Protein backbone atom coordinates (compact mmCIF):
# COMPACT_ATOMS: atom_id res chain seq x y z
CA MET A 1 53.06 195.17 68.62
CA LYS A 2 52.41 195.20 65.04
CA ASN A 3 55.61 193.36 64.63
CA ILE A 4 54.91 190.42 66.79
CA ARG A 5 53.64 187.15 65.14
CA ASN A 6 52.42 184.11 67.11
CA PHE A 7 52.21 180.93 65.18
CA CYS A 8 51.73 176.92 65.85
CA ILE A 9 52.78 173.88 63.75
CA ILE A 10 50.06 171.30 63.37
CA ALA A 11 50.37 168.20 61.54
CA HIS A 12 49.71 164.43 61.73
CA ILE A 13 52.01 162.11 63.67
CA ASP A 14 55.76 162.01 61.79
CA HIS A 15 54.89 164.71 59.30
CA GLY A 16 57.81 166.35 60.25
CA LYS A 17 56.56 169.27 62.93
CA SER A 18 59.61 169.36 65.24
CA THR A 19 62.30 169.15 62.37
CA LEU A 20 60.69 172.06 60.91
CA ALA A 21 60.50 174.00 64.20
CA ASP A 22 64.61 172.87 64.20
CA ARG A 23 65.26 174.55 61.03
CA LEU A 24 63.24 177.63 61.85
CA LEU A 25 65.43 178.12 64.86
CA GLU A 26 68.56 177.58 63.15
CA TYR A 27 67.75 179.95 60.36
CA THR A 28 66.60 182.73 63.01
CA GLY A 29 70.09 182.29 64.69
CA THR A 30 68.06 181.12 67.89
CA VAL A 31 69.98 178.13 68.21
CA THR A 32 73.63 178.30 67.10
CA GLY A 33 76.72 176.18 67.44
CA ARG A 34 76.67 173.09 69.64
CA ASP A 35 73.12 173.64 70.56
CA ILE A 36 71.89 172.36 67.38
CA GLU A 37 70.64 169.01 67.55
CA ALA A 38 67.52 166.94 66.24
CA GLN A 39 64.21 167.96 67.72
CA VAL A 40 65.79 170.71 69.96
CA LEU A 41 62.62 171.63 71.50
CA ASP A 42 61.81 167.82 72.73
CA ASP A 43 63.56 168.25 76.07
CA MET A 44 61.72 165.25 77.80
CA GLU A 45 63.70 162.10 77.93
CA LEU A 46 60.79 160.33 76.60
CA GLU A 47 60.34 162.44 73.58
CA LYS A 48 63.84 161.83 72.60
CA GLU A 49 63.53 158.09 72.95
CA ARG A 50 60.18 157.73 71.37
CA GLY A 51 61.04 160.27 68.65
CA ILE A 52 57.24 161.77 69.63
CA THR A 53 56.31 165.28 70.77
CA ILE A 54 54.29 164.95 74.11
CA LYS A 55 54.07 168.37 75.35
CA SER A 56 53.39 171.86 73.31
CA HIS A 57 56.92 173.75 73.15
CA ALA A 58 56.76 177.38 73.05
CA ILE A 59 59.69 179.68 72.02
CA GLN A 60 60.68 183.02 70.81
CA MET A 61 62.51 183.97 67.53
CA GLU A 62 63.79 187.11 66.07
CA TYR A 63 64.01 187.45 62.64
CA LYS A 64 64.77 190.64 60.20
CA TYR A 65 63.12 191.29 57.35
CA ASN A 66 62.96 194.45 55.04
CA ASN A 67 65.13 196.10 57.45
CA GLU A 68 62.17 195.40 60.46
CA ASN A 69 62.90 193.35 63.34
CA TYR A 70 59.83 190.96 64.15
CA ILE A 71 59.24 188.98 67.06
CA LEU A 72 58.20 185.21 66.03
CA ASN A 73 56.42 183.10 69.05
CA LEU A 74 56.53 179.57 67.50
CA ILE A 75 54.40 176.72 69.35
CA ASP A 76 55.37 173.32 68.51
CA THR A 77 52.56 170.76 69.02
CA PRO A 78 52.32 167.08 69.45
CA GLY A 79 50.61 165.00 66.38
CA HIS A 80 49.05 162.10 68.14
CA VAL A 81 45.60 161.96 68.86
CA ASP A 82 45.97 161.37 72.58
CA PHE A 83 47.60 164.74 72.99
CA SER A 84 45.04 166.84 71.09
CA TYR A 85 44.33 168.89 74.27
CA GLU A 86 47.88 169.96 74.51
CA VAL A 87 47.08 171.58 70.54
CA SER A 88 43.80 172.94 71.58
CA ARG A 89 45.67 175.10 74.14
CA SER A 90 48.56 175.93 71.95
CA ILE A 91 45.99 177.03 69.15
CA ALA A 92 44.15 179.34 71.67
CA ALA A 93 47.86 181.25 72.29
CA CYS A 94 48.15 181.97 68.42
CA GLU A 95 46.92 183.66 65.39
CA GLY A 96 48.30 181.60 62.72
CA ALA A 97 49.18 177.89 62.15
CA LEU A 98 51.28 176.26 59.75
CA LEU A 99 49.76 173.27 58.45
CA ILE A 100 52.03 170.70 57.52
CA VAL A 101 51.63 168.01 55.33
CA ASP A 102 53.88 164.93 54.24
CA ALA A 103 54.63 164.90 50.59
CA ALA A 104 54.64 161.13 50.41
CA GLN A 105 51.48 160.44 52.41
CA GLY A 106 49.02 163.11 51.90
CA ILE A 107 46.54 164.40 54.18
CA GLN A 108 45.81 162.23 57.23
CA ALA A 109 43.40 161.89 60.19
CA GLN A 110 45.01 164.45 62.59
CA THR A 111 45.44 166.75 59.58
CA ILE A 112 41.80 167.10 59.32
CA SER A 113 40.83 167.45 63.14
CA ASN A 114 43.90 169.88 64.02
CA LEU A 115 42.84 171.76 60.90
CA TYR A 116 39.25 172.35 62.28
CA LEU A 117 40.36 173.24 65.56
CA ALA A 118 42.53 175.97 64.29
CA LEU A 119 39.79 177.07 62.11
CA GLU A 120 37.32 177.45 64.83
CA HIS A 121 39.40 179.93 66.25
CA ASP A 122 40.09 181.91 62.98
CA LEU A 123 43.57 181.37 62.54
CA GLU A 124 45.38 182.27 59.39
CA ILE A 125 46.21 178.54 57.95
CA ILE A 126 49.57 178.54 55.82
CA PRO A 127 49.82 175.00 53.84
CA VAL A 128 53.27 173.69 54.00
CA MET A 129 54.03 170.57 51.88
CA ASN A 130 56.93 169.04 53.55
CA LYS A 131 59.31 165.96 52.92
CA ILE A 132 59.53 166.87 49.13
CA ASP A 133 63.15 165.54 48.96
CA LEU A 134 61.61 162.07 49.43
CA PRO A 135 61.92 159.55 46.40
CA SER A 136 58.46 158.58 47.06
CA ALA A 137 56.83 161.97 47.08
CA GLU A 138 53.77 162.71 45.03
CA PRO A 139 53.67 166.75 45.27
CA GLU A 140 51.13 167.34 42.64
CA LEU A 141 48.64 164.66 44.28
CA VAL A 142 49.25 166.06 47.65
CA LYS A 143 48.68 169.43 46.38
CA ASP A 144 45.18 168.48 45.27
CA GLN A 145 44.27 167.14 48.37
CA ILE A 146 45.29 170.28 50.29
CA VAL A 147 43.65 172.58 47.71
CA ASP A 148 40.13 170.44 48.55
CA LEU A 149 40.82 170.51 52.11
CA ILE A 150 41.29 174.25 52.75
CA ASP A 151 40.19 175.73 49.18
CA CYS A 152 43.40 177.57 48.66
CA ASP A 153 45.50 178.42 45.51
CA ARG A 154 48.06 175.94 44.50
CA SER A 155 50.19 178.95 44.50
CA ASP A 156 49.95 179.30 47.96
CA ILE A 157 51.36 175.90 49.01
CA LEU A 158 54.79 176.02 49.97
CA SER A 159 57.00 173.29 48.94
CA VAL A 160 59.76 172.55 51.86
CA SER A 161 62.22 169.93 53.07
CA ALA A 162 62.58 169.98 56.76
CA LYS A 163 65.58 167.95 56.38
CA THR A 164 67.62 169.79 53.81
CA GLY A 165 66.23 173.30 54.67
CA GLU A 166 64.81 173.81 51.28
CA GLY A 167 62.45 176.57 51.28
CA VAL A 168 62.09 177.28 55.04
CA LEU A 169 63.19 180.96 54.49
CA LEU A 170 59.94 181.46 52.36
CA ILE A 171 58.22 180.15 55.51
CA LEU A 172 59.14 182.81 57.56
CA GLU A 173 58.47 185.37 54.98
CA GLU A 174 54.86 184.04 54.38
CA ILE A 175 54.60 184.17 58.49
CA ILE A 176 55.36 187.64 58.25
CA LYS A 177 53.10 188.57 55.33
CA LYS A 178 50.05 186.45 56.05
CA VAL A 179 49.87 186.11 59.83
CA ALA A 180 47.81 189.26 61.63
CA PRO A 181 49.95 190.71 64.60
CA PRO A 182 48.18 190.14 67.87
CA LYS A 183 45.00 192.15 68.93
CA GLY A 184 45.14 193.90 72.14
CA ASP A 185 45.53 197.30 74.03
CA SER A 186 48.76 197.79 76.05
CA ASN A 187 46.81 200.61 78.29
CA SER A 188 43.96 198.62 79.04
CA PRO A 189 43.71 196.48 82.74
CA LEU A 190 45.91 193.13 82.45
CA GLN A 191 44.38 190.20 80.96
CA ALA A 192 47.00 187.28 80.52
CA MET A 193 45.85 183.74 80.10
CA ILE A 194 47.77 181.00 81.30
CA PHE A 195 48.20 178.12 78.48
CA ASP A 196 50.80 176.07 80.05
CA SER A 197 52.45 175.47 83.43
CA VAL A 198 55.50 173.35 84.78
CA TYR A 199 56.91 172.48 88.24
CA ASN A 200 60.45 173.57 88.89
CA THR A 201 62.05 171.98 91.96
CA PHE A 202 64.00 174.69 93.04
CA ARG A 203 61.95 178.09 92.13
CA GLY A 204 58.09 176.53 92.40
CA ILE A 205 55.64 176.55 89.71
CA GLU A 206 56.32 178.37 86.32
CA ALA A 207 53.19 179.54 84.73
CA TYR A 208 53.47 180.61 80.78
CA PHE A 209 50.91 182.98 79.52
CA LYS A 210 49.84 185.21 76.69
CA VAL A 211 49.12 188.71 77.35
CA ILE A 212 46.07 189.51 75.65
CA ASN A 213 45.19 193.09 76.96
CA GLY A 214 47.60 195.23 79.17
CA GLU A 215 51.21 194.88 80.52
CA ILE A 216 52.77 192.89 82.94
CA LYS A 217 55.90 194.39 84.86
CA LYS A 218 58.35 192.65 87.22
CA GLY A 219 57.60 193.29 90.65
CA ASP A 220 54.06 193.76 90.06
CA GLU A 221 51.20 192.46 92.66
CA VAL A 222 48.98 190.13 90.17
CA LYS A 223 46.11 187.99 90.95
CA PHE A 224 44.89 184.73 89.37
CA MET A 225 41.14 185.11 88.86
CA ALA A 226 40.07 181.49 89.22
CA THR A 227 41.50 180.99 92.50
CA GLY A 228 41.61 184.54 93.96
CA MET A 229 44.96 184.05 94.76
CA LYS A 230 47.45 187.02 94.80
CA TYR A 231 51.38 186.88 94.30
CA ASN A 232 54.51 189.05 93.60
CA ALA A 233 55.87 188.54 89.96
CA ASP A 234 59.61 188.08 91.44
CA GLU A 235 60.31 187.44 87.62
CA ILE A 236 58.88 187.74 84.50
CA GLY A 237 60.35 186.86 80.98
CA VAL A 238 60.21 185.50 77.46
CA LEU A 239 60.90 181.84 76.56
CA LYS A 240 63.86 181.77 74.39
CA LEU A 241 66.06 178.48 74.27
CA ASN A 242 66.45 179.25 77.92
CA LYS A 243 64.39 181.40 79.57
CA MET A 244 65.39 185.18 79.46
CA PRO A 245 64.09 187.56 81.97
CA LYS A 246 62.35 191.06 81.02
CA ASN A 247 61.29 194.06 83.02
CA SER A 248 58.00 194.01 81.24
CA ILE A 249 55.56 192.14 78.81
CA LYS A 250 53.09 194.03 76.63
CA ALA A 251 50.16 193.01 74.83
CA GLY A 252 50.27 190.24 72.20
CA GLU A 253 53.62 188.65 73.87
CA VAL A 254 54.13 185.17 75.27
CA GLY A 255 56.02 184.78 78.44
CA TYR A 256 56.17 183.03 81.85
CA ILE A 257 55.85 184.22 85.24
CA ILE A 258 58.00 183.00 88.51
CA SER A 259 56.05 184.10 91.69
CA GLY A 260 57.18 181.41 94.45
CA ILE A 261 53.74 179.46 93.98
CA LYS A 262 54.32 176.09 96.01
CA ASP A 263 51.28 174.37 95.47
CA ALA A 264 50.31 172.93 92.74
CA ARG A 265 46.62 173.30 93.08
CA GLU A 266 46.68 177.25 93.04
CA VAL A 267 47.64 177.37 89.03
CA LYS A 268 45.13 176.54 86.72
CA VAL A 269 45.19 176.11 82.94
CA GLY A 270 43.08 178.37 81.19
CA ASP A 271 43.02 180.90 84.14
CA THR A 272 43.64 184.57 83.83
CA ILE A 273 46.16 186.91 85.53
CA THR A 274 45.46 190.40 86.54
CA GLN A 275 46.84 193.41 88.45
CA VAL A 276 45.66 194.16 92.05
CA ASN A 277 45.86 197.44 91.76
CA PHE A 278 44.49 197.75 88.31
CA PRO A 279 42.03 194.45 87.83
CA ALA A 280 40.26 193.63 84.54
CA ASN A 281 36.62 192.92 85.02
CA GLU A 282 36.15 189.77 83.64
CA ALA A 283 38.31 186.80 82.82
CA VAL A 284 39.56 185.38 79.21
CA GLN A 285 37.44 182.91 77.95
CA GLY A 286 39.79 179.76 78.88
CA PHE A 287 39.75 176.04 77.47
CA GLU A 288 36.83 173.74 77.58
CA GLU A 289 36.89 171.18 80.15
CA VAL A 290 39.22 168.01 79.20
CA LYS A 291 37.07 164.72 78.32
CA PRO A 292 38.81 161.89 80.08
CA MET A 293 38.22 158.50 77.78
CA VAL A 294 39.80 156.09 79.95
CA PHE A 295 39.99 155.64 83.42
CA ALA A 296 42.18 153.43 85.32
CA GLY A 297 43.56 152.94 88.61
CA ILE A 298 46.99 154.05 89.71
CA TYR A 299 48.39 152.60 93.00
CA PRO A 300 51.88 152.65 94.69
CA VAL A 301 53.92 149.51 94.84
CA ASP A 302 54.41 150.25 98.37
CA THR A 303 51.33 151.43 100.57
CA GLU A 304 53.39 153.88 102.73
CA ASP A 305 54.07 156.05 99.22
CA PHE A 306 50.67 156.92 99.05
CA GLU A 307 51.23 160.67 99.98
CA GLU A 308 54.40 160.85 97.77
CA LEU A 309 52.30 159.54 94.82
CA ARG A 310 49.54 161.88 95.51
CA SER A 311 52.28 165.08 95.28
CA SER A 312 53.70 163.69 92.33
CA MET A 313 50.20 163.37 90.79
CA GLU A 314 49.61 166.99 91.45
CA LYS A 315 52.96 168.33 89.82
CA LEU A 316 52.48 166.09 87.00
CA GLN A 317 48.91 167.40 86.51
CA LEU A 318 50.54 170.86 86.49
CA ASN A 319 52.52 169.88 83.04
CA ASP A 320 49.74 167.90 81.69
CA ALA A 321 46.39 169.64 82.04
CA SER A 322 44.42 166.56 80.61
CA LEU A 323 45.04 164.16 83.71
CA THR A 324 42.24 163.89 86.00
CA TYR A 325 42.26 162.06 89.24
CA GLU A 326 40.65 160.94 92.41
CA PRO A 327 41.70 159.10 95.50
CA GLU A 328 40.24 155.23 95.60
CA SER A 329 40.93 151.96 97.53
CA SER A 330 41.39 148.47 96.65
CA ALA A 331 41.43 145.10 98.37
CA ALA A 332 44.29 144.21 96.78
CA LEU A 333 46.43 146.86 96.11
CA GLY A 334 45.46 149.49 99.18
CA PHE A 335 45.26 152.92 98.38
CA GLY A 336 45.42 154.71 95.37
CA PHE A 337 44.07 157.27 92.62
CA ARG A 338 41.33 156.68 90.13
CA CYS A 339 42.82 158.47 86.87
CA GLY A 340 41.30 159.96 83.72
CA PHE A 341 43.39 159.85 80.52
CA LEU A 342 42.65 160.45 76.94
CA GLY A 343 43.67 157.37 75.54
CA MET A 344 46.15 154.32 75.89
CA LEU A 345 49.27 156.34 74.91
CA HIS A 346 48.49 158.84 77.50
CA MET A 347 48.38 156.36 80.17
CA GLU A 348 51.57 154.84 79.15
CA ILE A 349 53.36 158.15 79.00
CA ILE A 350 51.85 159.23 82.60
CA GLN A 351 52.91 155.84 84.13
CA GLU A 352 56.71 156.48 82.37
CA ARG A 353 56.58 159.91 83.71
CA LEU A 354 55.82 158.93 87.11
CA GLU A 355 58.83 156.41 87.18
CA ARG A 356 61.25 158.36 85.57
CA GLU A 357 60.73 162.25 87.02
CA PHE A 358 59.51 161.39 90.20
CA ASN A 359 61.27 157.91 90.89
CA MET A 360 57.73 156.26 91.47
CA THR A 361 56.92 152.83 90.58
CA VAL A 362 53.41 152.27 90.18
CA ILE A 363 50.83 149.44 89.34
CA THR A 364 48.15 150.29 86.99
CA THR A 365 44.74 148.50 87.01
CA VAL A 366 42.54 147.50 83.74
CA PRO A 367 41.24 150.64 82.49
CA ASN A 368 37.39 151.11 82.18
CA VAL A 369 34.86 153.51 82.19
CA SER A 370 31.80 154.98 84.65
CA TYR A 371 28.63 153.22 84.61
CA TYR A 372 25.37 153.63 86.50
CA ALA A 373 23.61 150.84 88.43
CA PHE A 374 20.07 150.96 89.66
CA THR A 375 18.73 148.76 92.52
CA LYS A 376 15.43 147.39 92.79
CA LYS A 377 14.81 149.78 95.42
CA GLU A 378 15.61 152.72 92.23
CA GLU A 379 18.87 153.75 94.49
CA LYS A 380 21.35 155.27 91.77
CA LEU A 381 24.95 153.90 92.22
CA ILE A 382 28.09 155.33 90.08
CA ILE A 383 30.38 152.37 89.43
CA HIS A 384 33.61 153.70 88.71
CA ASN A 385 35.47 150.10 89.38
CA PRO A 386 34.38 146.63 88.70
CA SER A 387 34.73 145.83 92.74
CA ASP A 388 32.03 148.40 93.17
CA TYR A 389 29.41 146.42 91.24
CA PRO A 390 26.21 145.34 93.39
CA ASP A 391 24.99 141.84 94.20
CA PRO A 392 23.29 140.73 91.05
CA SER A 393 20.33 140.04 93.55
CA ILE A 394 19.53 143.51 94.35
CA LEU A 395 20.34 144.84 90.70
CA ASP A 396 17.80 146.07 88.56
CA ARG A 397 19.51 147.43 85.50
CA VAL A 398 22.73 149.03 84.52
CA LYS A 399 23.26 152.08 82.33
CA GLU A 400 26.59 152.60 80.26
CA PRO A 401 27.78 155.78 78.65
CA PHE A 402 27.15 156.01 74.82
CA ILE A 403 28.94 158.40 72.24
CA ARG A 404 28.33 159.86 68.97
CA ALA A 405 31.35 159.03 66.98
CA GLN A 406 32.19 161.08 63.76
CA ILE A 407 34.75 159.11 61.74
CA ILE A 408 36.01 160.69 58.40
CA THR A 409 37.66 158.01 55.88
CA LYS A 410 38.70 157.43 52.48
CA SER A 411 35.76 155.71 50.47
CA ASP A 412 37.92 152.73 49.85
CA PHE A 413 37.97 151.78 53.82
CA ILE A 414 33.90 152.22 54.47
CA GLY A 415 33.39 148.40 54.55
CA ALA A 416 36.25 147.85 56.92
CA VAL A 417 35.37 150.80 59.34
CA MET A 418 31.66 149.52 59.11
CA THR A 419 32.79 146.36 60.13
CA LEU A 420 35.01 147.43 63.06
CA CYS A 421 32.03 149.66 64.64
CA ILE A 422 29.61 147.19 64.48
CA GLU A 423 31.64 144.74 66.22
CA LYS A 424 32.21 147.14 68.82
CA ARG A 425 28.26 147.23 69.23
CA GLY A 426 28.07 150.47 67.14
CA GLU A 427 24.90 151.85 65.32
CA LEU A 428 25.58 153.48 61.92
CA LYS A 429 23.37 156.74 62.05
CA ASN A 430 24.30 158.78 58.99
CA GLN A 431 26.63 158.61 56.22
CA VAL A 432 27.72 161.55 54.04
CA TYR A 433 30.14 161.64 51.14
CA LEU A 434 32.18 165.11 51.61
CA THR A 435 34.00 164.65 48.18
CA THR A 436 33.86 161.58 45.78
CA ASP A 437 36.87 160.27 47.78
CA ARG A 438 36.27 161.06 51.36
CA VAL A 439 33.11 160.07 53.34
CA GLU A 440 32.07 160.87 57.01
CA LEU A 441 30.19 158.06 58.86
CA THR A 442 28.17 158.74 62.36
CA PHE A 443 28.06 156.23 64.57
CA GLU A 444 26.35 155.83 68.22
CA MET A 445 28.36 153.37 70.30
CA PRO A 446 29.30 152.45 73.96
CA LEU A 447 32.32 154.25 75.25
CA GLY A 448 33.60 151.24 77.03
CA GLU A 449 34.12 149.47 73.65
CA ILE A 450 36.63 152.36 72.39
CA VAL A 451 38.42 152.52 75.32
CA PHE A 452 41.43 149.74 74.41
CA ASP A 453 42.22 149.29 71.21
CA PHE A 454 39.66 151.28 68.90
CA TYR A 455 42.03 153.97 67.86
CA ASP A 456 44.53 151.34 67.17
CA LYS A 457 42.64 149.10 65.05
CA LEU A 458 40.60 152.21 63.13
CA LYS A 459 44.25 153.24 62.24
CA SER A 460 45.18 149.86 60.82
CA VAL A 461 41.93 149.07 58.90
CA SER A 462 41.90 152.80 57.31
CA LYS A 463 45.77 152.49 56.52
CA GLY A 464 46.16 155.46 59.08
CA TYR A 465 43.46 158.09 57.22
CA ALA A 466 40.35 157.77 59.33
CA SER A 467 39.98 160.63 61.67
CA PHE A 468 37.88 160.17 64.66
CA ASP A 469 36.54 162.46 67.16
CA TYR A 470 33.41 161.85 69.52
CA TYR A 471 31.24 163.74 72.21
CA PRO A 472 28.97 161.80 74.99
CA ILE A 473 25.47 161.63 74.49
CA GLU A 474 23.59 159.92 77.26
CA TYR A 475 23.39 156.82 79.49
CA ARG A 476 21.77 153.85 78.16
CA ALA A 477 20.20 150.47 79.50
CA SER A 478 22.68 147.68 79.08
CA SER A 479 23.06 144.00 79.93
CA LEU A 480 26.44 143.69 81.69
CA ALA A 481 28.15 141.25 83.57
CA LYS A 482 31.04 141.22 86.03
CA LEU A 483 33.84 139.04 85.03
CA ASP A 484 36.32 138.05 87.88
CA ILE A 485 39.78 136.55 87.76
CA LEU A 486 40.44 133.96 90.19
CA LEU A 487 44.10 132.77 90.98
CA ASN A 488 43.98 129.46 92.93
CA SER A 489 40.64 130.37 93.88
CA GLU A 490 41.25 133.71 95.17
CA PRO A 491 39.80 136.65 93.44
CA VAL A 492 42.17 139.55 91.74
CA ASP A 493 40.18 142.40 92.03
CA ALA A 494 42.30 144.51 90.18
CA LEU A 495 41.81 142.39 87.03
CA SER A 496 38.18 141.77 87.13
CA ALA A 497 36.32 144.04 84.18
CA LEU A 498 32.49 145.02 83.10
CA VAL A 499 31.91 143.58 80.15
CA HIS A 500 28.92 143.21 77.74
CA LYS A 501 26.88 139.37 78.35
CA SER A 502 27.46 138.92 74.69
CA ASN A 503 31.25 138.72 74.60
CA SER A 504 32.08 137.57 78.30
CA TYR A 505 32.44 134.23 77.40
CA THR A 506 35.01 134.81 74.74
CA LEU A 507 36.77 137.62 76.70
CA GLY A 508 37.02 135.28 80.03
CA LYS A 509 38.67 132.47 77.69
CA LYS A 510 41.33 134.90 75.92
CA LEU A 511 42.09 136.62 79.38
CA CYS A 512 43.11 133.14 81.02
CA SER A 513 45.25 131.97 78.24
CA LYS A 514 47.07 135.24 78.31
CA LEU A 515 47.81 135.15 82.13
CA LYS A 516 48.76 131.64 81.39
CA GLU A 517 51.87 132.99 79.37
CA LEU A 518 52.36 135.87 81.55
CA ILE A 519 52.53 134.54 85.22
CA PRO A 520 55.82 132.85 85.81
CA ARG A 521 55.94 129.28 86.80
CA GLN A 522 56.09 128.62 90.56
CA GLN A 523 56.90 125.62 92.67
CA PHE A 524 53.28 124.83 92.56
CA ASP A 525 50.36 124.52 89.92
CA ILE A 526 48.46 127.72 89.70
CA ALA A 527 44.89 127.43 88.39
CA ILE A 528 43.59 130.49 86.54
CA GLN A 529 39.80 130.75 86.03
CA SER A 530 37.72 133.49 84.90
CA ALA A 531 34.24 133.82 86.48
CA ILE A 532 30.82 135.03 85.96
CA GLY A 533 29.39 135.38 89.30
CA SER A 534 29.66 131.87 90.79
CA LYS A 535 29.77 130.25 87.58
CA ILE A 536 33.33 129.33 85.96
CA VAL A 537 33.66 130.13 82.24
CA SER A 538 37.03 129.02 81.53
CA ARG A 539 40.46 127.57 83.34
CA GLU A 540 44.06 127.47 82.54
CA THR A 541 46.68 125.88 84.70
CA VAL A 542 50.29 127.21 84.89
CA LYS A 543 52.17 123.87 85.46
CA ALA A 544 54.60 123.68 88.45
CA LEU A 545 58.53 123.79 88.05
CA ARG A 546 59.69 120.42 88.52
CA LYS A 547 63.25 119.69 90.00
CA ASP A 548 64.54 116.32 88.70
CA VAL A 549 64.75 114.53 92.15
CA THR A 550 65.40 110.95 90.69
CA ALA A 551 68.37 112.35 88.93
CA LYS A 552 70.93 110.69 91.32
CA CYS A 553 69.03 107.42 92.03
CA TYR A 554 69.93 105.07 89.56
CA GLY A 555 69.83 101.11 89.70
CA GLY A 556 67.84 99.18 92.09
CA ASP A 557 64.28 99.08 93.13
CA ILE A 558 61.56 101.28 91.79
CA THR A 559 60.33 102.40 95.26
CA ARG A 560 63.65 104.30 95.74
CA LYS A 561 62.55 106.32 93.40
CA ARG A 562 58.47 106.57 94.32
CA LYS A 563 60.03 107.46 97.66
CA LEU A 564 61.82 110.56 96.31
CA LEU A 565 58.73 111.49 94.20
CA GLU A 566 56.08 111.09 96.98
CA LYS A 567 58.36 113.39 99.13
CA GLN A 568 58.59 115.92 96.41
CA LYS A 569 54.59 115.84 96.03
CA LYS A 570 54.17 116.28 99.97
CA GLY A 571 56.46 119.20 99.59
CA LYS A 572 54.38 120.72 96.62
CA LYS A 573 51.31 120.56 98.56
CA ARG A 574 52.73 122.38 101.45
CA MET A 575 54.12 124.88 99.57
CA ARG A 576 50.69 125.41 97.56
CA GLN A 577 49.01 126.73 100.77
CA VAL A 578 51.78 129.01 101.69
CA GLY A 579 52.65 130.20 98.34
CA ASN A 580 51.28 133.24 96.68
CA VAL A 581 51.16 134.06 93.21
CA GLU A 582 53.39 137.22 92.23
CA ILE A 583 51.30 139.21 89.27
CA PRO A 584 53.95 140.80 87.06
CA GLN A 585 52.75 144.44 85.76
CA LYS A 586 52.31 143.44 82.13
CA ALA A 587 49.23 141.22 83.35
CA PHE A 588 46.99 143.85 84.20
CA LEU A 589 47.65 145.47 80.52
CA SER A 590 47.18 142.08 78.84
CA VAL A 591 43.51 142.76 78.85
CA LEU A 592 44.16 145.25 76.26
CA GLN A 593 45.75 143.11 73.75
CA LEU A 594 43.58 140.62 73.72
CA ASP A 595 42.96 140.60 70.08
CA ASP A 596 46.51 140.58 69.04
């Protein structure tokens, strides 16, 4: 056990985590010959395409140092803020972390957020400055930033280039020297914590775990403590590039278990595995519950596919523990699910994965948050969906969720960040200078305002530096209105939204003009209106496609042409009565990019 090291790689987006993982695998001989490719751990098609890590990836490496063999368990983590839950789970399974900072960009938002996560778990931090081969690199300046941030010696900072491989061997040595071996007792009752799981079509559910105490052997009867279910450990093993079966896994090691579990609901991330005949008294402290930020409805295009969508969601939740969902129905779209996501990118990825991995084509409604409505009889209603909004005549007041947001940014961007937060109905509560150059701002603001594009805007006004963290505080009374979208006087419930009265007019106007661009022209005029209650706020018209019916009619009396045009007019009128408007998928998401 003393020769085991568990560590993860944390950094901001695009600071070179996956590339460094590639080099470490190459230098330890874990990946050789034809298996070597860029971002070898990113096994999902989407990850390769977008060049981002979505899932944490665990892999075991072996390395010889001072004539001793060491086992190194590496977990590569995502960098995007929407996948921070993945990072927190990875950190829980480690004793050390490589903190990577780009030599050209310096310390960025997620660097700080992930560092705090790692420090909370008492991880040994090894600072690494990557991309020193870039012409724009400023190593001395970045070293100063790292020293300020984690208070280490300049000599402790490793300068590497993951692309060329310079300095990578030093990292391996530092991990062995600095990261503590896992604590635990192989002789005590088994306690293994599940930190991830994946659905395999042929073998059922594979759970990834870290053994904290005790030992698990092949063929053992094990019990999952959260669900109380018992299984046989049909196969256990360690995670190399491909899974490698073993007969036993001891305390401190990271491995997988296949026990023929078919039902996705039986495996919970953060659960503890123990033995039936020698059980542990208590479960290991798992992970904190995930906090979804964005809620949206996901519906199958065909109503018959509802059950299929349900089983796809269950399997996807296995692999992505930050997804939450519950069934709901809509007048326009039929039966579907109300899903909770960590952010807009997370929502986009889920949609893509449903399509690719499960062949499910889905429609996503406008994202929003949950509200409380109180009637005049003091009945409390929870509104997840704008269509649940009660009639204004019986409504007394509405409360919306507020959050306390902490934003850390460079002092140069204070003005821009404040303006953005005040636009989003935020209220400044505190302002603290952490250093002469870095400032922490505390705001209280409605959750509904940060749902859509707050992150993106914050990043752009602060040139990517601002780090953002939040936690819910309470529900407060607010002046809200339900904005309906009508197509040819028919309301489309999937496009309606709850908005603050102060910006309902501007939003309605923007939404109509956006839909005008997106809805394809038909053989008849389409009226797009936005309404608050019975009051029409704005209108746009998508003009009908017109065939030139008079093309063949040349010369002669004007009445010949008029006759043809009248005939066309009648046809259009008839068509308008029977024709229905097809709304493209883009339109449902258009609400989000209104400020572009």
